[in-house]
Amino acid sequence: MGIWMDADGMLSSNELRQLRSGAEAYPFADDEAKVVYKLFNLRANGSLGKKVILRNFGEERSEITLRDATLPDTLEKLAVLNEAGAHPTEIVGLSDDGNFLIAKQPLAHPYEDFKKDRLAAMQSMKALIPSFTRLNREIAVFWLNNRSWIICDLHNGNVMKDRERRATIIDALIGPLPTEALEKFRWAREIREDCQTLRLGKIPAKRFEFGDDVDDDAL
C-alpha cells in the first residue's frame, strides 16, 4: 500500500494522499481508485478507538460515557454501521506487523447543510433520536440483528456525502442499548419499539405528548 513509518513513528506514504487523522484512525486516500484506507492503531495500549457505554445510576439519572474499544469491539462497530446503512466499509485485515487494523471506504465529500444532511443520513440508517432522556449527550438509536444500538458523536466531522451525493454517517461511535435501560426507562422501551418498526419498513406510532390533540372536556 506504500505506507511506511518514519523514525518518529509517524505514518507516511509516497503513493497515497494522507488525510487529517481522526480520533480513531489514520486515513490515506487513493484518489485514482476513489477510496480511503483507514489504519486503526493497535500499538499504544491494545485499545482501538472508543465505544459507547450507557451507565445507569438510578431510576432517573443515567450517563453516556466513552470507553476504550478492543479489536473485537471495533470489528463489530464497522460491521454493524455498514449493515445498518452508514457509509460502506470493508474490513481489509491487519497490517503485516500486526500494529494496525485496515478498513476501506469509498471517498466521501463534505456535507452541504449539516442539520439537513445529518437528518437524511440518520434516516438512511433508520435511526431515531429519543426525547427526554436526561442524558449528558444527544444520542440516536437504531435496531439491527435483534438488538438496539446507541449511536452518538454525530458531529460535523461524521456527516458527509457519498459518491452519489447522498448524506451518510461515517466513523460514528456506537454501543448496545443495555437491557437494564430498557427495564428502567420508558424512553428506551419506546425508542426500541419505534426503531424495530422503522427497520421493518413501517411507520412508528405517534407518541402522545401533553397538549397534542387533547380534548379539553376529557381532562
N, C-alpha and C. Protein backbone atom coordinates (compact mmCIF):
# COMPACT_ATOMS: atom_id res chain seq x y z
N MET A 1 0.81 -1.21 0.00
CA MET A 1 0.00 0.00 0.00
C MET A 1 0.85 1.27 0.00
N GLY A 2 2.17 1.11 0.08
CA GLY A 2 3.05 2.26 0.04
C GLY A 2 3.01 3.11 1.29
N ILE A 3 2.57 2.55 2.40
CA ILE A 3 2.54 3.28 3.67
C ILE A 3 3.70 2.80 4.52
N TRP A 4 4.44 3.73 5.08
CA TRP A 4 5.60 3.36 5.88
C TRP A 4 5.66 4.25 7.12
N MET A 5 6.49 3.87 8.06
CA MET A 5 6.62 4.60 9.32
C MET A 5 8.01 5.20 9.41
N ASP A 6 8.06 6.51 9.74
CA ASP A 6 9.35 7.17 9.82
C ASP A 6 9.99 6.93 11.19
N ALA A 7 11.15 7.56 11.40
CA ALA A 7 11.90 7.34 12.64
C ALA A 7 11.16 7.82 13.88
N ASP A 8 10.23 8.74 13.70
CA ASP A 8 9.46 9.26 14.83
C ASP A 8 8.17 8.48 15.06
N GLY A 9 7.99 7.40 14.31
CA GLY A 9 6.80 6.59 14.48
C GLY A 9 5.57 7.14 13.77
N MET A 10 5.75 8.09 12.84
CA MET A 10 4.64 8.70 12.11
C MET A 10 4.46 7.98 10.78
N LEU A 11 3.21 7.77 10.40
CA LEU A 11 2.91 7.11 9.15
C LEU A 11 2.98 8.08 7.98
N SER A 12 3.52 7.62 6.86
CA SER A 12 3.63 8.43 5.66
C SER A 12 3.43 7.53 4.45
N SER A 13 3.19 8.14 3.31
CA SER A 13 3.05 7.38 2.07
C SER A 13 3.49 8.23 0.89
N ASN A 14 4.22 7.61 -0.03
CA ASN A 14 4.61 8.28 -1.26
C ASN A 14 3.60 8.03 -2.38
N GLU A 15 2.62 7.15 -2.14
CA GLU A 15 1.66 6.77 -3.17
C GLU A 15 0.24 7.23 -2.87
N LEU A 16 -0.11 7.32 -1.59
CA LEU A 16 -1.45 7.71 -1.19
C LEU A 16 -1.43 9.09 -0.55
N ARG A 17 -2.54 9.80 -0.67
CA ARG A 17 -2.65 11.14 -0.09
C ARG A 17 -3.09 11.04 1.37
N GLN A 18 -2.27 11.53 2.27
CA GLN A 18 -2.59 11.44 3.69
C GLN A 18 -3.63 12.50 4.06
N LEU A 19 -4.71 12.07 4.71
CA LEU A 19 -5.77 12.97 5.16
C LEU A 19 -5.57 13.29 6.64
N ARG A 20 -6.33 14.24 7.13
CA ARG A 20 -6.22 14.60 8.54
C ARG A 20 -6.67 13.44 9.42
N SER A 21 -5.86 13.10 10.40
CA SER A 21 -6.17 11.97 11.27
C SER A 21 -7.35 12.29 12.18
N GLY A 22 -8.17 11.28 12.43
CA GLY A 22 -9.27 11.43 13.36
C GLY A 22 -8.89 10.89 14.72
N ALA A 23 -9.89 10.72 15.56
CA ALA A 23 -9.65 10.24 16.92
C ALA A 23 -9.29 8.76 16.94
N GLU A 24 -9.66 8.02 15.90
CA GLU A 24 -9.50 6.57 15.92
C GLU A 24 -8.53 6.03 14.88
N ALA A 25 -8.37 6.72 13.76
CA ALA A 25 -7.63 6.09 12.65
C ALA A 25 -6.84 7.13 11.86
N TYR A 26 -5.86 6.60 11.11
CA TYR A 26 -5.06 7.40 10.17
C TYR A 26 -5.59 7.12 8.76
N PRO A 27 -6.17 8.11 8.08
CA PRO A 27 -6.73 7.87 6.75
C PRO A 27 -5.78 8.26 5.62
N PHE A 28 -5.79 7.44 4.56
CA PHE A 28 -5.00 7.69 3.36
C PHE A 28 -5.91 7.50 2.15
N ALA A 29 -5.92 8.49 1.25
CA ALA A 29 -6.81 8.45 0.09
C ALA A 29 -6.07 7.95 -1.15
N ASP A 30 -6.70 7.05 -1.87
CA ASP A 30 -6.27 6.65 -3.20
C ASP A 30 -7.18 7.39 -4.17
N ASP A 31 -6.72 8.52 -4.68
CA ASP A 31 -7.58 9.38 -5.50
C ASP A 31 -7.94 8.74 -6.83
N GLU A 32 -7.05 7.91 -7.35
CA GLU A 32 -7.34 7.26 -8.63
C GLU A 32 -8.47 6.25 -8.48
N ALA A 33 -8.42 5.46 -7.41
CA ALA A 33 -9.46 4.46 -7.17
C ALA A 33 -10.66 5.05 -6.43
N LYS A 34 -10.52 6.29 -5.91
CA LYS A 34 -11.58 6.97 -5.17
C LYS A 34 -12.00 6.18 -3.92
N VAL A 35 -10.99 5.73 -3.18
CA VAL A 35 -11.25 5.05 -1.91
C VAL A 35 -10.31 5.61 -0.84
N VAL A 36 -10.67 5.37 0.41
CA VAL A 36 -9.85 5.79 1.54
C VAL A 36 -9.53 4.56 2.38
N TYR A 37 -8.25 4.39 2.71
CA TYR A 37 -7.82 3.34 3.62
C TYR A 37 -7.63 3.96 5.00
N LYS A 38 -8.19 3.32 6.02
CA LYS A 38 -8.08 3.83 7.39
C LYS A 38 -7.33 2.82 8.24
N LEU A 39 -6.29 3.29 8.89
CA LEU A 39 -5.45 2.43 9.74
C LEU A 39 -5.74 2.74 11.20
N PHE A 40 -6.33 1.76 11.89
CA PHE A 40 -6.65 1.89 13.31
C PHE A 40 -5.45 1.37 14.10
N ASN A 41 -4.95 2.21 14.99
CA ASN A 41 -3.70 1.93 15.70
C ASN A 41 -3.91 0.95 16.85
N LEU A 42 -3.21 -0.18 16.82
CA LEU A 42 -3.28 -1.17 17.89
C LEU A 42 -2.09 -1.09 18.84
N ARG A 43 -1.16 -0.18 18.60
CA ARG A 43 0.13 -0.25 19.30
C ARG A 43 0.09 0.28 20.73
N ALA A 44 -0.65 1.36 20.99
CA ALA A 44 -0.48 2.10 22.24
C ALA A 44 -0.80 1.27 23.48
N ASN A 45 -2.03 0.81 23.62
CA ASN A 45 -2.41 0.08 24.83
C ASN A 45 -3.31 -1.10 24.53
N GLY A 46 -3.37 -1.50 23.28
CA GLY A 46 -4.23 -2.61 22.92
C GLY A 46 -5.64 -2.19 22.61
N SER A 47 -5.97 -0.92 22.86
CA SER A 47 -7.31 -0.43 22.55
C SER A 47 -7.35 0.06 21.11
N LEU A 48 -8.54 0.20 20.61
CA LEU A 48 -8.71 0.55 19.20
C LEU A 48 -9.88 1.51 19.08
N GLY A 49 -9.64 2.77 19.38
CA GLY A 49 -10.72 3.74 19.34
C GLY A 49 -11.58 3.67 20.59
N LYS A 50 -12.84 4.07 20.44
CA LYS A 50 -13.75 4.17 21.57
C LYS A 50 -15.05 3.42 21.30
N LYS A 51 -15.75 3.09 22.38
CA LYS A 51 -17.09 2.53 22.28
C LYS A 51 -17.99 3.26 23.27
N VAL A 52 -19.30 3.19 23.03
CA VAL A 52 -20.29 3.90 23.83
C VAL A 52 -20.82 2.98 24.93
N ILE A 53 -20.87 3.51 26.14
CA ILE A 53 -21.43 2.79 27.28
C ILE A 53 -22.52 3.66 27.91
N LEU A 54 -23.70 3.09 28.15
CA LEU A 54 -24.74 3.78 28.90
C LEU A 54 -24.70 3.28 30.33
N ARG A 55 -24.37 4.19 31.25
CA ARG A 55 -24.28 3.84 32.66
C ARG A 55 -25.53 4.34 33.38
N ASN A 56 -26.13 3.46 34.17
CA ASN A 56 -27.33 3.80 34.94
C ASN A 56 -26.96 4.01 36.40
N PHE A 57 -27.40 5.12 36.96
CA PHE A 57 -27.10 5.44 38.35
C PHE A 57 -28.33 5.35 39.24
N GLY A 58 -29.50 5.19 38.67
CA GLY A 58 -30.72 5.14 39.46
C GLY A 58 -31.92 5.21 38.55
N GLU A 59 -33.07 5.46 39.13
CA GLU A 59 -34.30 5.46 38.35
C GLU A 59 -34.35 6.60 37.34
N GLU A 60 -33.73 7.73 37.68
CA GLU A 60 -33.83 8.91 36.83
C GLU A 60 -32.53 9.25 36.12
N ARG A 61 -31.41 9.02 36.76
CA ARG A 61 -30.14 9.52 36.24
C ARG A 61 -29.38 8.45 35.47
N SER A 62 -28.86 8.82 34.33
CA SER A 62 -28.02 7.92 33.54
C SER A 62 -27.06 8.78 32.73
N GLU A 63 -26.02 8.14 32.19
CA GLU A 63 -24.95 8.90 31.56
C GLU A 63 -24.32 8.09 30.44
N ILE A 64 -24.01 8.78 29.35
CA ILE A 64 -23.26 8.17 28.25
C ILE A 64 -21.77 8.43 28.49
N THR A 65 -20.98 7.38 28.50
CA THR A 65 -19.53 7.51 28.64
C THR A 65 -18.85 6.80 27.48
N LEU A 66 -17.60 7.14 27.25
CA LEU A 66 -16.80 6.51 26.21
C LEU A 66 -15.70 5.69 26.85
N ARG A 67 -15.53 4.47 26.40
CA ARG A 67 -14.50 3.57 26.90
C ARG A 67 -13.60 3.12 25.76
N ASP A 68 -12.39 2.68 26.10
CA ASP A 68 -11.50 2.12 25.08
C ASP A 68 -12.15 0.91 24.43
N ALA A 69 -12.05 0.84 23.12
CA ALA A 69 -12.59 -0.30 22.37
C ALA A 69 -11.47 -1.29 22.08
N THR A 70 -11.80 -2.56 22.09
CA THR A 70 -10.86 -3.61 21.72
C THR A 70 -10.98 -3.89 20.22
N LEU A 71 -10.10 -4.74 19.72
CA LEU A 71 -10.20 -5.14 18.32
C LEU A 71 -11.57 -5.75 18.00
N PRO A 72 -12.09 -6.71 18.80
CA PRO A 72 -13.44 -7.23 18.51
C PRO A 72 -14.52 -6.15 18.53
N ASP A 73 -14.41 -5.19 19.47
CA ASP A 73 -15.37 -4.09 19.53
C ASP A 73 -15.39 -3.31 18.22
N THR A 74 -14.20 -2.99 17.71
CA THR A 74 -14.11 -2.17 16.51
C THR A 74 -14.54 -2.94 15.27
N LEU A 75 -14.20 -4.22 15.20
CA LEU A 75 -14.68 -5.05 14.10
C LEU A 75 -16.21 -5.09 14.09
N GLU A 76 -16.80 -5.23 15.28
CA GLU A 76 -18.26 -5.25 15.38
C GLU A 76 -18.84 -3.91 14.96
N LYS A 77 -18.23 -2.81 15.41
CA LYS A 77 -18.72 -1.48 15.06
C LYS A 77 -18.73 -1.27 13.55
N LEU A 78 -17.62 -1.59 12.90
CA LEU A 78 -17.54 -1.39 11.45
C LEU A 78 -18.58 -2.23 10.72
N ALA A 79 -18.77 -3.47 11.17
CA ALA A 79 -19.75 -4.35 10.53
C ALA A 79 -21.17 -3.87 10.76
N VAL A 80 -21.48 -3.45 11.98
CA VAL A 80 -22.84 -3.01 12.32
C VAL A 80 -23.18 -1.73 11.56
N LEU A 81 -22.29 -0.74 11.56
CA LEU A 81 -22.57 0.50 10.84
C LEU A 81 -22.75 0.25 9.35
N ASN A 82 -21.92 -0.62 8.79
CA ASN A 82 -22.03 -0.95 7.38
C ASN A 82 -23.39 -1.56 7.07
N GLU A 83 -23.80 -2.54 7.88
CA GLU A 83 -25.07 -3.24 7.63
C GLU A 83 -26.27 -2.34 7.89
N ALA A 84 -26.12 -1.40 8.83
CA ALA A 84 -27.25 -0.54 9.19
C ALA A 84 -27.53 0.53 8.14
N GLY A 85 -26.57 0.78 7.26
CA GLY A 85 -26.80 1.78 6.22
C GLY A 85 -25.95 3.02 6.33
N ALA A 86 -24.92 2.98 7.17
CA ALA A 86 -23.96 4.08 7.23
C ALA A 86 -23.03 4.00 6.02
N HIS A 87 -21.97 4.82 6.00
CA HIS A 87 -21.06 4.82 4.86
C HIS A 87 -20.45 3.42 4.69
N PRO A 88 -20.48 2.85 3.49
CA PRO A 88 -19.99 1.48 3.28
C PRO A 88 -18.55 1.31 3.75
N THR A 89 -18.30 0.21 4.43
CA THR A 89 -16.97 -0.06 4.98
C THR A 89 -16.60 -1.51 4.73
N GLU A 90 -15.39 -1.72 4.23
CA GLU A 90 -14.85 -3.06 4.04
C GLU A 90 -13.67 -3.26 4.99
N ILE A 91 -13.70 -4.32 5.77
CA ILE A 91 -12.58 -4.64 6.65
C ILE A 91 -11.54 -5.38 5.83
N VAL A 92 -10.38 -4.75 5.64
CA VAL A 92 -9.33 -5.32 4.79
C VAL A 92 -8.54 -6.38 5.55
N GLY A 93 -8.15 -6.07 6.80
CA GLY A 93 -7.36 -7.01 7.59
C GLY A 93 -6.36 -6.27 8.45
N LEU A 94 -5.36 -6.99 8.90
CA LEU A 94 -4.29 -6.41 9.72
C LEU A 94 -3.06 -6.13 8.87
N SER A 95 -2.31 -5.12 9.27
CA SER A 95 -1.03 -4.87 8.60
C SER A 95 -0.08 -6.03 8.88
N ASP A 96 0.97 -6.14 8.07
CA ASP A 96 1.91 -7.26 8.20
C ASP A 96 2.54 -7.33 9.59
N ASP A 97 2.77 -6.16 10.21
CA ASP A 97 3.39 -6.16 11.53
C ASP A 97 2.38 -6.35 12.66
N GLY A 98 1.08 -6.41 12.32
CA GLY A 98 0.04 -6.61 13.33
C GLY A 98 -0.30 -5.38 14.14
N ASN A 99 0.25 -4.22 13.76
CA ASN A 99 0.03 -3.00 14.54
C ASN A 99 -1.21 -2.22 14.14
N PHE A 100 -1.77 -2.53 12.98
CA PHE A 100 -2.89 -1.73 12.50
C PHE A 100 -3.98 -2.61 11.90
N LEU A 101 -5.23 -2.27 12.24
CA LEU A 101 -6.39 -2.81 11.53
C LEU A 101 -6.67 -1.88 10.36
N ILE A 102 -6.87 -2.44 9.18
CA ILE A 102 -7.08 -1.63 7.98
C ILE A 102 -8.51 -1.81 7.48
N ALA A 103 -9.18 -0.69 7.26
CA ALA A 103 -10.52 -0.70 6.66
C ALA A 103 -10.50 0.17 5.41
N LYS A 104 -11.45 -0.07 4.51
CA LYS A 104 -11.52 0.69 3.25
C LYS A 104 -12.93 1.23 3.07
N GLN A 105 -13.02 2.49 2.66
CA GLN A 105 -14.30 3.13 2.40
C GLN A 105 -14.25 3.91 1.10
N PRO A 106 -15.38 4.08 0.42
CA PRO A 106 -15.40 4.97 -0.75
C PRO A 106 -15.06 6.40 -0.31
N LEU A 107 -14.38 7.12 -1.17
CA LEU A 107 -14.04 8.51 -0.88
C LEU A 107 -15.31 9.32 -0.71
N ALA A 108 -15.43 10.02 0.43
CA ALA A 108 -16.62 10.80 0.72
C ALA A 108 -16.35 12.29 0.52
N HIS A 109 -17.43 13.06 0.51
CA HIS A 109 -17.35 14.50 0.28
C HIS A 109 -17.96 15.25 1.46
N PRO A 110 -17.60 16.52 1.65
CA PRO A 110 -18.16 17.28 2.77
C PRO A 110 -19.67 17.45 2.66
N TYR A 111 -20.31 17.57 3.81
CA TYR A 111 -21.75 17.83 3.82
C TYR A 111 -22.02 19.23 3.27
N GLU A 112 -23.28 19.47 2.90
CA GLU A 112 -23.67 20.78 2.38
C GLU A 112 -24.46 21.59 3.41
N ASP A 113 -25.44 20.97 4.03
CA ASP A 113 -26.23 21.59 5.09
C ASP A 113 -26.23 20.61 6.26
N PHE A 114 -25.50 20.94 7.34
CA PHE A 114 -25.25 19.96 8.38
C PHE A 114 -26.53 19.36 8.96
N LYS A 115 -27.46 20.20 9.41
CA LYS A 115 -28.67 19.69 10.05
C LYS A 115 -29.51 18.86 9.08
N LYS A 116 -29.67 19.36 7.88
CA LYS A 116 -30.46 18.65 6.87
C LYS A 116 -29.79 17.34 6.49
N ASP A 117 -28.47 17.38 6.28
CA ASP A 117 -27.75 16.18 5.87
C ASP A 117 -27.65 15.16 7.00
N ARG A 118 -27.51 15.63 8.25
CA ARG A 118 -27.48 14.69 9.37
C ARG A 118 -28.80 13.95 9.49
N LEU A 119 -29.90 14.67 9.34
CA LEU A 119 -31.21 14.03 9.40
C LEU A 119 -31.36 13.00 8.29
N ALA A 120 -30.96 13.36 7.07
CA ALA A 120 -31.07 12.43 5.94
C ALA A 120 -30.19 11.21 6.15
N ALA A 121 -29.00 11.42 6.71
CA ALA A 121 -28.08 10.30 6.96
C ALA A 121 -28.65 9.37 8.02
N MET A 122 -29.27 9.94 9.05
CA MET A 122 -29.90 9.11 10.08
C MET A 122 -31.08 8.33 9.52
N GLN A 123 -31.84 8.96 8.63
CA GLN A 123 -32.96 8.27 8.02
C GLN A 123 -32.50 7.07 7.19
N SER A 124 -31.34 7.20 6.54
CA SER A 124 -30.82 6.08 5.76
C SER A 124 -30.43 4.91 6.64
N MET A 125 -30.11 5.19 7.92
CA MET A 125 -29.78 4.14 8.88
C MET A 125 -30.98 3.70 9.68
N LYS A 126 -32.13 4.35 9.45
CA LYS A 126 -33.35 4.09 10.23
C LYS A 126 -33.09 4.32 11.72
N ALA A 127 -32.40 5.42 12.00
CA ALA A 127 -32.06 5.80 13.38
C ALA A 127 -32.96 6.94 13.83
N LEU A 128 -33.33 6.93 15.11
CA LEU A 128 -34.21 7.94 15.69
C LEU A 128 -33.57 8.54 16.93
N ILE A 129 -33.86 9.80 17.20
CA ILE A 129 -33.40 10.46 18.41
C ILE A 129 -34.50 10.39 19.46
N PRO A 130 -34.26 9.77 20.60
CA PRO A 130 -35.30 9.72 21.64
C PRO A 130 -35.46 11.07 22.32
N SER A 131 -36.64 11.30 22.86
CA SER A 131 -36.92 12.54 23.57
C SER A 131 -36.82 12.34 25.07
N PHE A 132 -36.44 13.38 25.78
CA PHE A 132 -36.48 13.41 27.24
C PHE A 132 -35.69 12.28 27.90
N THR A 133 -34.47 12.07 27.44
CA THR A 133 -33.66 11.01 28.04
C THR A 133 -32.93 11.47 29.30
N ARG A 134 -32.73 12.78 29.43
CA ARG A 134 -31.94 13.36 30.52
C ARG A 134 -30.50 12.86 30.51
N LEU A 135 -30.01 12.51 29.34
CA LEU A 135 -28.63 12.07 29.21
C LEU A 135 -27.71 13.27 29.05
N ASN A 136 -26.43 13.04 29.28
CA ASN A 136 -25.44 14.11 29.14
C ASN A 136 -25.00 14.32 27.70
N ARG A 137 -25.40 13.43 26.79
CA ARG A 137 -25.08 13.56 25.37
C ARG A 137 -26.33 13.27 24.55
N GLU A 138 -26.43 13.92 23.40
CA GLU A 138 -27.50 13.56 22.48
C GLU A 138 -27.14 12.23 21.81
N ILE A 139 -28.11 11.36 21.71
CA ILE A 139 -27.90 10.07 21.07
C ILE A 139 -29.00 9.81 20.05
N ALA A 140 -28.74 8.87 19.18
CA ALA A 140 -29.77 8.28 18.34
C ALA A 140 -29.74 6.78 18.58
N VAL A 141 -30.78 6.10 18.18
CA VAL A 141 -30.87 4.66 18.38
C VAL A 141 -31.35 4.02 17.08
N PHE A 142 -30.79 2.87 16.75
CA PHE A 142 -31.28 2.10 15.62
C PHE A 142 -31.35 0.63 16.00
N TRP A 143 -32.13 -0.15 15.23
CA TRP A 143 -32.35 -1.56 15.50
C TRP A 143 -31.70 -2.38 14.40
N LEU A 144 -30.93 -3.39 14.79
CA LEU A 144 -30.28 -4.26 13.81
C LEU A 144 -29.92 -5.58 14.47
N ASN A 145 -30.19 -6.66 13.76
CA ASN A 145 -29.83 -8.00 14.23
C ASN A 145 -30.38 -8.29 15.63
N ASN A 146 -31.68 -7.96 15.79
CA ASN A 146 -32.39 -8.23 17.05
C ASN A 146 -31.77 -7.52 18.25
N ARG A 147 -31.27 -6.31 18.00
CA ARG A 147 -30.63 -5.57 19.08
C ARG A 147 -30.75 -4.07 18.84
N SER A 148 -30.92 -3.32 19.94
CA SER A 148 -30.93 -1.86 19.86
C SER A 148 -29.52 -1.34 20.04
N TRP A 149 -29.15 -0.37 19.18
CA TRP A 149 -27.80 0.21 19.23
C TRP A 149 -27.88 1.71 19.46
N ILE A 150 -27.06 2.21 20.37
CA ILE A 150 -26.89 3.64 20.56
C ILE A 150 -25.83 4.13 19.59
N ILE A 151 -26.09 5.27 18.98
CA ILE A 151 -25.09 5.92 18.15
C ILE A 151 -24.96 7.36 18.61
N CYS A 152 -23.73 7.82 18.82
CA CYS A 152 -23.51 9.21 19.21
C CYS A 152 -22.31 9.75 18.45
N ASP A 153 -21.81 10.90 18.85
CA ASP A 153 -20.69 11.51 18.16
C ASP A 153 -21.08 11.93 16.74
N LEU A 154 -22.35 12.36 16.60
CA LEU A 154 -22.83 12.75 15.27
C LEU A 154 -22.54 14.23 15.02
N HIS A 155 -21.26 14.59 15.15
CA HIS A 155 -20.85 15.97 14.93
C HIS A 155 -20.57 16.20 13.44
N ASN A 156 -20.12 17.41 13.10
CA ASN A 156 -19.97 17.74 11.68
C ASN A 156 -18.81 17.03 11.00
N GLY A 157 -17.95 16.33 11.76
CA GLY A 157 -16.90 15.55 11.13
C GLY A 157 -17.36 14.16 10.71
N ASN A 158 -18.52 13.75 11.21
CA ASN A 158 -19.01 12.40 10.94
C ASN A 158 -20.24 12.37 10.04
N VAL A 159 -20.56 13.51 9.45
CA VAL A 159 -21.65 13.59 8.47
C VAL A 159 -21.03 14.03 7.15
N MET A 160 -21.19 13.22 6.11
CA MET A 160 -20.58 13.53 4.81
C MET A 160 -21.54 13.15 3.69
N LYS A 161 -21.06 13.28 2.46
CA LYS A 161 -21.82 12.88 1.28
C LYS A 161 -21.08 11.73 0.58
N ASP A 162 -21.83 10.74 0.09
CA ASP A 162 -21.18 9.63 -0.60
C ASP A 162 -20.98 9.97 -2.07
N ARG A 163 -20.58 9.00 -2.86
CA ARG A 163 -20.28 9.25 -4.27
C ARG A 163 -21.49 9.77 -5.04
N GLU A 164 -22.69 9.35 -4.63
CA GLU A 164 -23.91 9.79 -5.29
C GLU A 164 -24.46 11.06 -4.65
N ARG A 165 -23.64 11.68 -3.76
CA ARG A 165 -24.01 12.92 -3.07
C ARG A 165 -25.19 12.72 -2.13
N ARG A 166 -25.34 11.51 -1.62
CA ARG A 166 -26.33 11.25 -0.58
C ARG A 166 -25.67 11.41 0.78
N ALA A 167 -26.40 11.96 1.73
CA ALA A 167 -25.85 12.16 3.08
C ALA A 167 -25.60 10.81 3.74
N THR A 168 -24.51 10.72 4.48
CA THR A 168 -24.14 9.46 5.12
C THR A 168 -23.43 9.71 6.44
N ILE A 169 -23.59 8.77 7.37
CA ILE A 169 -22.87 8.79 8.65
C ILE A 169 -21.56 8.04 8.46
N ILE A 170 -20.47 8.61 8.97
CA ILE A 170 -19.16 7.98 8.80
C ILE A 170 -18.41 8.03 10.13
N ASP A 171 -17.90 6.89 10.56
CA ASP A 171 -16.99 6.81 11.73
C ASP A 171 -17.62 7.24 13.05
N ALA A 172 -18.92 7.13 13.21
CA ALA A 172 -19.54 7.48 14.49
C ALA A 172 -19.29 6.37 15.52
N LEU A 173 -19.56 6.66 16.78
CA LEU A 173 -19.36 5.70 17.86
C LEU A 173 -20.69 5.03 18.21
N ILE A 174 -20.63 3.74 18.50
CA ILE A 174 -21.85 3.00 18.83
C ILE A 174 -21.63 2.13 20.06
N GLY A 175 -22.74 1.64 20.59
CA GLY A 175 -22.71 0.68 21.69
C GLY A 175 -24.12 0.15 21.87
N PRO A 176 -24.29 -1.01 22.48
CA PRO A 176 -25.63 -1.57 22.67
C PRO A 176 -26.45 -0.79 23.69
N LEU A 177 -27.74 -0.73 23.47
CA LEU A 177 -28.66 -0.19 24.47
C LEU A 177 -28.91 -1.30 25.48
N PRO A 178 -28.43 -1.15 26.72
CA PRO A 178 -28.45 -2.27 27.66
C PRO A 178 -29.85 -2.65 28.14
N THR A 179 -30.00 -3.91 28.49
CA THR A 179 -31.28 -4.42 28.99
C THR A 179 -31.73 -3.65 30.22
N GLU A 180 -30.78 -3.27 31.06
CA GLU A 180 -31.10 -2.52 32.28
C GLU A 180 -31.82 -1.22 31.95
N ALA A 181 -31.39 -0.55 30.89
CA ALA A 181 -32.04 0.70 30.49
C ALA A 181 -33.46 0.45 30.00
N LEU A 182 -33.65 -0.66 29.29
CA LEU A 182 -34.98 -0.99 28.80
C LEU A 182 -35.93 -1.28 29.96
N GLU A 183 -35.40 -1.86 31.03
CA GLU A 183 -36.23 -2.17 32.19
C GLU A 183 -36.58 -0.92 32.99
N LYS A 184 -35.68 0.09 33.00
CA LYS A 184 -35.87 1.25 33.86
C LYS A 184 -36.53 2.44 33.17
N PHE A 185 -36.25 2.63 31.88
CA PHE A 185 -36.61 3.89 31.25
C PHE A 185 -37.66 3.70 30.15
N ARG A 186 -38.70 4.47 30.28
CA ARG A 186 -39.77 4.42 29.27
C ARG A 186 -39.24 4.84 27.90
N TRP A 187 -38.38 5.88 27.86
CA TRP A 187 -37.88 6.34 26.57
C TRP A 187 -37.13 5.25 25.84
N ALA A 188 -36.41 4.40 26.60
CA ALA A 188 -35.64 3.32 25.98
C ALA A 188 -36.56 2.27 25.37
N ARG A 189 -37.63 1.93 26.08
CA ARG A 189 -38.58 0.95 25.54
C ARG A 189 -39.29 1.49 24.32
N GLU A 190 -39.67 2.75 24.35
CA GLU A 190 -40.39 3.35 23.23
C GLU A 190 -39.50 3.48 21.99
N ILE A 191 -38.26 3.91 22.20
CA ILE A 191 -37.38 4.08 21.04
C ILE A 191 -37.01 2.73 20.44
N ARG A 192 -36.88 1.70 21.27
CA ARG A 192 -36.63 0.36 20.72
C ARG A 192 -37.79 -0.08 19.84
N GLU A 193 -39.02 0.11 20.34
CA GLU A 193 -40.19 -0.29 19.57
C GLU A 193 -40.29 0.48 18.25
N ASP A 194 -40.03 1.79 18.32
CA ASP A 194 -40.10 2.61 17.11
C ASP A 194 -39.03 2.23 16.10
N CYS A 195 -37.84 1.94 16.58
CA CYS A 195 -36.75 1.56 15.66
C CYS A 195 -36.99 0.19 15.04
N GLN A 196 -37.56 -0.73 15.80
CA GLN A 196 -37.92 -2.02 15.23
C GLN A 196 -38.94 -1.84 14.11
N THR A 197 -39.94 -1.01 14.37
CA THR A 197 -40.98 -0.74 13.37
C THR A 197 -40.38 -0.12 12.12
N LEU A 198 -39.48 0.84 12.32
CA LEU A 198 -38.86 1.52 11.19
C LEU A 198 -38.01 0.56 10.36
N ARG A 199 -37.29 -0.35 11.02
CA ARG A 199 -36.44 -1.31 10.31
C ARG A 199 -37.28 -2.24 9.45
N LEU A 200 -38.53 -2.47 9.87
CA LEU A 200 -39.43 -3.32 9.10
C LEU A 200 -40.10 -2.57 7.96
N GLY A 201 -39.76 -1.29 7.79
CA GLY A 201 -40.32 -0.52 6.71
C GLY A 201 -41.69 0.06 7.00
N LYS A 202 -42.07 0.10 8.28
CA LYS A 202 -43.37 0.63 8.68
C LYS A 202 -43.18 1.97 9.39
N ILE A 203 -44.28 2.66 9.61
CA ILE A 203 -44.24 3.97 10.26
C ILE A 203 -44.47 3.80 11.76
N PRO A 204 -43.56 4.30 12.60
CA PRO A 204 -43.75 4.17 14.05
C PRO A 204 -45.01 4.89 14.51
N ALA A 205 -45.56 4.42 15.62
CA ALA A 205 -46.75 5.05 16.20
C ALA A 205 -46.42 6.46 16.66
N LYS A 206 -47.39 7.37 16.53
CA LYS A 206 -47.21 8.73 17.00
C LYS A 206 -47.32 8.75 18.53
N ARG A 207 -46.27 9.20 19.18
CA ARG A 207 -46.25 9.21 20.64
C ARG A 207 -47.09 10.36 21.17
N PHE A 208 -47.86 10.07 22.23
CA PHE A 208 -48.69 11.08 22.85
C PHE A 208 -47.83 12.10 23.57
N GLU A 209 -48.10 13.38 23.31
CA GLU A 209 -47.44 14.44 24.04
C GLU A 209 -48.50 15.33 24.66
N PHE A 210 -48.30 15.74 25.90
CA PHE A 210 -49.28 16.56 26.59
C PHE A 210 -49.58 17.81 25.79
N GLY A 211 -50.87 18.10 25.57
CA GLY A 211 -51.27 19.28 24.83
C GLY A 211 -51.47 19.02 23.36
N ASP A 212 -51.18 17.81 22.90
CA ASP A 212 -51.29 17.49 21.49
C ASP A 212 -52.57 16.68 21.26
N ASP A 213 -53.50 17.23 20.49
CA ASP A 213 -54.76 16.55 20.17
C ASP A 213 -55.50 16.12 21.44
N VAL A 214 -55.54 16.98 22.41
CA VAL A 214 -56.23 16.67 23.67
C VAL A 214 -57.58 17.35 23.69
N ASP A 215 -58.60 16.60 24.03
CA ASP A 215 -59.95 17.13 24.20
C ASP A 215 -60.05 17.74 25.59
N ASP A 216 -60.26 19.06 25.66
CA ASP A 216 -60.30 19.73 26.96
C ASP A 216 -61.37 19.13 27.86
N ASP A 217 -62.47 18.67 27.29
CA ASP A 217 -63.54 18.12 28.12
C ASP A 217 -63.14 16.82 28.79
N ALA A 218 -62.12 16.17 28.24
CA ALA A 218 -61.69 14.87 28.80
C ALA A 218 -60.67 15.04 29.92
N LEU A 219 -60.19 16.26 30.13
CA LEU A 219 -59.17 16.48 31.14
C LEU A 219 -59.79 16.61 32.54
